[in-house]
N, C-alpha and C. Protein backbone atom coordinates (compact mmCIF):
# COMPACT_ATOMS: atom_id res chain seq x y z
N GLN A 1 257.91 -12.68 98.10
CA GLN A 1 256.89 -12.14 98.89
C GLN A 1 256.22 -11.34 100.00
N VAL A 2 255.44 -10.16 100.18
CA VAL A 2 256.12 -9.29 100.84
C VAL A 2 254.63 -10.13 102.52
N GLN A 3 254.99 -9.96 103.25
CA GLN A 3 253.18 -10.27 103.88
C GLN A 3 253.46 -9.51 105.77
N LEU A 4 252.06 -9.24 105.62
CA LEU A 4 252.52 -7.95 107.77
C LEU A 4 251.56 -8.87 108.17
N VAL A 5 251.64 -9.03 109.96
CA VAL A 5 251.42 -9.22 110.64
C VAL A 5 250.65 -8.96 111.83
N GLU A 6 249.62 -8.47 112.37
CA GLU A 6 248.76 -7.12 113.13
C GLU A 6 249.11 -8.15 114.25
N SER A 7 249.29 -8.22 115.17
CA SER A 7 249.14 -8.19 117.30
C SER A 7 248.97 -8.04 117.79
N GLY A 8 248.14 -7.99 119.10
CA GLY A 8 247.58 -6.82 120.17
C GLY A 8 246.39 -6.63 120.43
N GLY A 9 245.36 -7.32 119.43
CA GLY A 9 244.01 -7.05 118.97
C GLY A 9 243.23 -7.30 120.56
N GLY A 10 242.55 -7.79 121.01
CA GLY A 10 241.55 -8.22 122.16
C GLY A 10 240.87 -7.72 122.35
N LEU A 11 240.06 -8.61 123.75
CA LEU A 11 238.43 -8.39 124.07
C LEU A 11 239.07 -6.56 124.97
N VAL A 12 238.56 -5.94 125.17
CA VAL A 12 238.48 -4.55 127.03
C VAL A 12 237.30 -3.93 127.58
N GLN A 13 237.53 -3.37 127.85
CA GLN A 13 235.70 -2.96 128.79
C GLN A 13 236.62 -1.28 128.25
N PRO A 14 234.93 0.17 127.93
CA PRO A 14 234.71 0.55 127.37
C PRO A 14 236.14 1.61 128.25
N GLY A 15 236.97 2.69 127.88
CA GLY A 15 238.12 3.76 128.58
C GLY A 15 239.39 2.68 128.89
N GLU A 16 239.89 1.53 128.21
CA GLU A 16 240.61 1.36 128.56
C GLU A 16 241.42 1.16 126.70
N SER A 17 242.97 1.21 127.12
CA SER A 17 244.06 1.07 126.06
C SER A 17 244.16 -0.60 125.52
N LEU A 18 244.36 -0.55 123.95
CA LEU A 18 245.25 -1.75 123.65
C LEU A 18 246.42 -1.15 122.18
N ARG A 19 247.38 -2.16 121.85
CA ARG A 19 248.73 -1.41 121.28
C ARG A 19 248.46 -2.23 120.09
N LEU A 20 248.13 -1.61 118.64
CA LEU A 20 248.40 -2.52 118.48
C LEU A 20 250.23 -2.83 117.83
N SER A 21 249.62 -3.52 116.63
CA SER A 21 251.45 -4.03 116.13
C SER A 21 251.63 -4.75 115.07
N CYS A 22 252.19 -3.73 114.02
CA CYS A 22 252.23 -4.92 112.62
C CYS A 22 253.67 -4.63 111.92
N ALA A 23 253.77 -6.08 112.19
CA ALA A 23 255.79 -5.98 111.22
C ALA A 23 255.54 -6.72 110.14
N ALA A 24 256.41 -6.78 108.82
CA ALA A 24 256.75 -7.22 107.36
C ALA A 24 256.80 -7.84 107.59
N SER A 25 257.04 -8.81 106.68
CA SER A 25 258.40 -10.45 106.27
C SER A 25 257.87 -9.69 105.11
N GLY A 26 259.70 -9.65 104.06
CA GLY A 26 259.72 -10.16 103.28
C GLY A 26 260.58 -8.75 102.24
N SER A 27 261.02 -8.11 101.03
CA SER A 27 261.82 -7.63 99.95
C SER A 27 261.28 -6.53 100.07
N ILE A 28 261.26 -5.55 101.64
CA ILE A 28 260.98 -3.81 101.10
C ILE A 28 262.09 -2.98 101.28
N PHE A 29 262.44 -2.44 100.58
CA PHE A 29 262.94 -1.56 100.60
C PHE A 29 262.57 0.20 100.96
N SER A 30 261.45 0.57 100.36
CA SER A 30 260.88 1.75 101.37
C SER A 30 259.31 1.40 101.12
N VAL A 31 258.89 1.56 102.01
CA VAL A 31 256.53 2.10 102.05
C VAL A 31 256.98 3.21 102.61
N TYR A 32 256.22 3.78 101.40
CA TYR A 32 255.48 5.23 101.09
C TYR A 32 254.66 5.81 102.22
N ARG A 33 253.78 4.98 102.96
CA ARG A 33 252.99 4.83 104.11
C ARG A 33 252.51 4.11 104.92
N MET A 34 252.36 3.99 105.46
CA MET A 34 251.30 2.50 106.67
C MET A 34 250.02 3.34 107.60
N GLY A 35 249.74 2.19 107.34
CA GLY A 35 249.09 2.78 107.67
C GLY A 35 247.91 1.31 108.39
N TRP A 36 246.50 2.14 109.48
CA TRP A 36 245.77 1.33 109.93
C TRP A 36 244.45 1.42 109.51
N TYR A 37 243.45 0.33 109.56
CA TYR A 37 241.94 0.43 108.84
C TYR A 37 241.13 0.07 109.92
N ARG A 38 240.11 -0.42 109.64
CA ARG A 38 239.14 -1.38 110.34
C ARG A 38 237.52 -1.29 110.00
N GLN A 39 237.61 -2.34 110.13
CA GLN A 39 235.82 -2.96 109.27
C GLN A 39 235.07 -3.57 110.64
N ALA A 40 234.11 -2.48 110.49
CA ALA A 40 232.80 -3.03 111.72
C ALA A 40 231.88 -4.29 110.82
N PRO A 41 231.12 -5.12 111.20
CA PRO A 41 230.02 -6.25 110.92
C PRO A 41 228.94 -4.95 110.31
N GLY A 42 229.08 -5.57 109.00
CA GLY A 42 228.03 -4.92 108.11
C GLY A 42 228.59 -3.39 107.58
N LYS A 43 229.69 -2.87 107.61
CA LYS A 43 229.91 -1.94 106.63
C LYS A 43 231.50 -1.82 106.15
N GLN A 44 232.12 -1.64 105.89
CA GLN A 44 232.49 -0.77 104.46
C GLN A 44 234.46 -0.48 105.41
N ARG A 45 235.24 -1.08 105.12
CA ARG A 45 236.89 -1.38 105.80
C ARG A 45 236.74 1.22 105.67
N ASP A 46 237.22 1.25 106.71
CA ASP A 46 237.41 3.13 106.74
C ASP A 46 238.64 2.65 107.37
N LEU A 47 239.17 4.09 106.91
CA LEU A 47 240.44 4.72 107.36
C LEU A 47 240.79 5.01 108.75
N VAL A 48 241.70 4.83 109.73
CA VAL A 48 241.84 5.16 111.03
C VAL A 48 242.95 5.75 110.80
N ALA A 49 244.46 5.76 110.70
CA ALA A 49 245.35 6.39 110.54
C ALA A 49 246.90 6.23 110.22
N THR A 50 246.91 6.81 109.19
CA THR A 50 247.73 6.51 108.48
C THR A 50 249.10 7.68 108.67
N ILE A 51 250.81 7.03 108.02
CA ILE A 51 251.61 7.87 109.01
C ILE A 51 252.19 8.19 107.14
N THR A 52 253.60 8.65 107.56
CA THR A 52 254.09 8.76 105.41
C THR A 52 255.52 7.69 105.80
N SER A 53 255.92 7.91 105.06
CA SER A 53 257.89 7.86 105.16
C SER A 53 258.36 9.41 105.34
N GLY A 54 258.18 10.74 105.68
CA GLY A 54 257.99 11.66 106.50
C GLY A 54 258.01 11.57 108.07
N GLY A 55 256.52 11.19 107.70
CA GLY A 55 256.58 11.30 109.50
C GLY A 55 254.88 11.91 109.70
N ARG A 56 254.63 12.37 108.38
CA ARG A 56 252.63 12.93 108.34
C ARG A 56 252.44 12.00 108.64
N THR A 57 251.54 13.04 109.78
CA THR A 57 249.97 11.27 110.31
C THR A 57 248.94 12.55 110.16
N ASN A 58 248.05 10.77 109.36
CA ASN A 58 246.07 11.17 109.16
C ASN A 58 245.82 10.74 109.65
N TYR A 59 244.41 11.26 111.10
CA TYR A 59 243.47 10.28 111.34
C TYR A 59 241.88 10.87 111.36
N ALA A 60 241.00 9.82 111.43
CA ALA A 60 239.61 9.57 111.07
C ALA A 60 239.08 10.84 112.26
N ASP A 61 238.24 11.56 111.74
CA ASP A 61 237.84 12.62 113.19
C ASP A 61 237.14 11.64 114.45
N SER A 62 237.06 10.07 114.18
CA SER A 62 236.61 9.92 115.34
C SER A 62 237.15 9.36 116.52
N VAL A 63 238.89 9.30 115.81
CA VAL A 63 240.21 9.02 116.88
C VAL A 63 240.92 10.00 116.96
N LYS A 64 240.79 10.60 116.49
CA LYS A 64 241.63 11.60 117.36
C LYS A 64 241.87 12.05 118.12
N GLY A 65 242.92 12.07 119.02
CA GLY A 65 242.77 12.54 120.40
C GLY A 65 243.74 11.05 121.53
N ARG A 66 242.95 10.27 120.90
CA ARG A 66 242.84 8.92 121.72
C ARG A 66 243.26 8.42 121.21
N PHE A 67 243.65 8.30 120.13
CA PHE A 67 244.27 7.11 118.51
C PHE A 67 246.79 7.65 118.26
N THR A 68 247.09 7.07 118.47
CA THR A 68 248.50 7.53 118.46
C THR A 68 249.02 6.55 117.40
N ILE A 69 249.37 7.30 116.42
CA ILE A 69 249.89 6.45 115.22
C ILE A 69 251.55 6.18 114.96
N SER A 70 252.22 5.58 114.76
CA SER A 70 253.69 5.58 114.88
C SER A 70 254.66 3.98 114.47
N ARG A 71 255.36 4.61 113.76
CA ARG A 71 255.59 3.44 112.80
C ARG A 71 258.04 3.37 112.76
N ASP A 72 258.23 2.31 112.85
CA ASP A 72 259.58 2.42 112.88
C ASP A 72 259.93 2.20 111.02
N SER A 73 260.78 2.78 110.79
CA SER A 73 260.86 2.18 108.99
C SER A 73 261.77 1.02 109.30
N ALA A 74 262.80 1.28 109.18
CA ALA A 74 263.95 0.20 109.45
C ALA A 74 263.84 -0.83 110.32
N LYS A 75 262.74 -1.30 111.32
CA LYS A 75 262.22 -2.26 111.84
C LYS A 75 260.97 -2.64 110.47
N LYS A 76 260.81 -1.64 109.72
CA LYS A 76 259.21 -2.02 108.83
C LYS A 76 258.62 -2.36 109.65
N THR A 77 257.64 -1.36 110.84
CA THR A 77 256.44 -2.07 111.85
C THR A 77 256.69 -0.18 111.74
N VAL A 78 254.63 -0.89 112.30
CA VAL A 78 253.48 0.48 112.81
C VAL A 78 253.14 -0.10 114.05
N ASP A 79 252.48 0.60 114.90
CA ASP A 79 251.81 0.45 115.47
C ASP A 79 250.41 1.27 116.35
N LEU A 80 249.74 1.14 116.64
CA LEU A 80 248.52 2.16 116.93
C LEU A 80 248.02 2.07 118.18
N GLN A 81 248.31 3.09 119.30
CA GLN A 81 247.92 2.97 120.18
C GLN A 81 246.41 3.77 120.39
N MET A 82 245.69 3.17 120.79
CA MET A 82 243.78 3.36 121.31
C MET A 82 244.50 3.35 122.70
N ASN A 83 243.63 4.33 123.09
CA ASN A 83 243.43 5.03 124.63
C ASN A 83 242.04 5.18 124.89
N ASN A 84 241.46 5.27 125.51
CA ASN A 84 239.84 5.79 126.58
C ASN A 84 238.80 5.00 124.92
N LEU A 85 239.42 3.62 124.52
CA LEU A 85 237.85 2.73 124.09
C LEU A 85 236.82 2.70 123.65
N ASN A 86 235.97 2.47 122.77
CA ASN A 86 234.53 2.76 122.98
C ASN A 86 233.92 1.79 122.04
N PRO A 87 232.64 0.79 122.65
CA PRO A 87 232.11 0.09 121.68
C PRO A 87 232.05 0.54 120.26
N GLU A 88 232.05 1.89 120.17
CA GLU A 88 232.66 2.04 118.34
C GLU A 88 233.16 1.62 118.14
N ASP A 89 234.68 1.81 118.62
CA ASP A 89 235.24 1.08 118.33
C ASP A 89 235.83 -0.55 117.96
N THR A 90 235.51 -1.17 118.14
CA THR A 90 234.51 -2.81 118.17
C THR A 90 234.71 -2.88 116.87
N ALA A 91 235.94 -2.99 115.81
CA ALA A 91 236.17 -3.83 114.27
C ALA A 91 237.66 -4.56 114.20
N VAL A 92 237.58 -5.11 112.69
CA VAL A 92 238.85 -6.23 112.84
C VAL A 92 239.53 -4.91 112.17
N TYR A 93 240.74 -5.14 112.82
CA TYR A 93 241.53 -3.56 112.15
C TYR A 93 242.83 -4.84 111.40
N TYR A 94 243.13 -3.53 110.30
CA TYR A 94 244.16 -3.99 109.32
C TYR A 94 245.26 -2.88 109.72
N CYS A 95 246.77 -3.86 109.10
CA CYS A 95 247.51 -3.07 109.17
C CYS A 95 247.58 -3.31 107.51
N ASN A 96 248.22 -2.06 107.28
CA ASN A 96 248.43 -1.30 105.32
C ASN A 96 249.19 -0.81 104.98
N PHE A 97 250.51 -1.21 103.98
CA PHE A 97 251.73 -0.48 103.83
C PHE A 97 251.28 -0.43 102.17
N LEU A 98 251.55 1.23 101.98
CA LEU A 98 251.29 1.46 100.20
C LEU A 98 252.97 1.88 100.41
N MET A 99 253.72 0.89 99.14
CA MET A 99 254.29 1.16 98.13
C MET A 99 255.03 2.44 97.66
N PRO A 100 256.11 2.73 97.30
CA PRO A 100 256.34 3.80 96.11
C PRO A 100 255.67 3.46 95.38
N ASN A 101 255.72 2.54 94.59
CA ASN A 101 254.59 2.14 93.03
C ASN A 101 253.31 1.48 93.44
N MET A 102 252.43 1.94 94.98
CA MET A 102 251.06 2.51 95.00
C MET A 102 250.68 1.22 94.38
N LYS A 103 251.74 -0.26 95.33
CA LYS A 103 250.78 -0.84 95.60
C LYS A 103 250.89 -1.31 97.38
N ASN A 104 249.46 -2.12 97.21
CA ASN A 104 249.03 -2.44 98.72
C ASN A 104 249.62 -3.50 98.97
N TYR A 105 249.89 -3.16 100.36
CA TYR A 105 249.57 -4.76 101.81
C TYR A 105 248.95 -4.27 102.39
N TRP A 106 248.37 -5.66 102.64
CA TRP A 106 247.20 -5.70 103.47
C TRP A 106 247.43 -7.37 104.53
N GLY A 107 246.91 -6.96 106.13
CA GLY A 107 247.59 -8.26 106.21
C GLY A 107 246.57 -8.54 106.53
N GLN A 108 246.39 -9.40 107.40
CA GLN A 108 244.77 -10.45 107.60
C GLN A 108 243.90 -9.58 108.98
N GLY A 109 244.54 -8.86 109.13
CA GLY A 109 243.25 -8.30 110.66
C GLY A 109 242.92 -9.17 111.76
N THR A 110 242.75 -8.17 112.45
CA THR A 110 243.24 -8.19 114.03
C THR A 110 241.85 -7.77 114.74
N GLN A 111 241.21 -8.95 116.02
CA GLN A 111 240.19 -8.41 116.31
C GLN A 111 240.29 -7.69 117.41
N VAL A 112 239.46 -6.02 118.22
CA VAL A 112 239.67 -5.22 118.33
C VAL A 112 238.05 -5.36 119.04
N THR A 113 237.78 -6.10 120.08
CA THR A 113 236.44 -5.59 120.56
C THR A 113 236.17 -4.82 122.17
N VAL A 114 235.23 -4.18 122.21
CA VAL A 114 235.18 -3.12 123.22
C VAL A 114 233.87 -2.93 123.87
N SER A 115 234.02 -3.70 125.13
CA SER A 115 232.26 -4.17 125.71
C SER A 115 232.62 -4.40 127.49
N SER A 116 231.90 -3.98 128.00
CA SER A 116 231.77 -3.75 129.18
C SER A 116 230.59 -5.52 129.65
């Protein structure tokens, strides 16, 4: 059974930074794509950033230039460095692994709150 565990969320002020981390446990031989999604209250879950096994990245327009996704395939971890946070970034952030067989795994989520 594969489990994803996120960490690093919290309460910060506008303009500050946070780094989210996601670690996987279980039987994983390879991960096609790792990513971060977020869901604000009353809204759907949206893509934040993804990174493929080949290192190709994709970002939501709203976070380009502020967020950076990185992965360590050997350690089965994916991080999200978030800089210059603003209140619109407030949401629950979820880690996602997409396997080569197209099966999805999700973490339990970590809360990020940006408020003065």
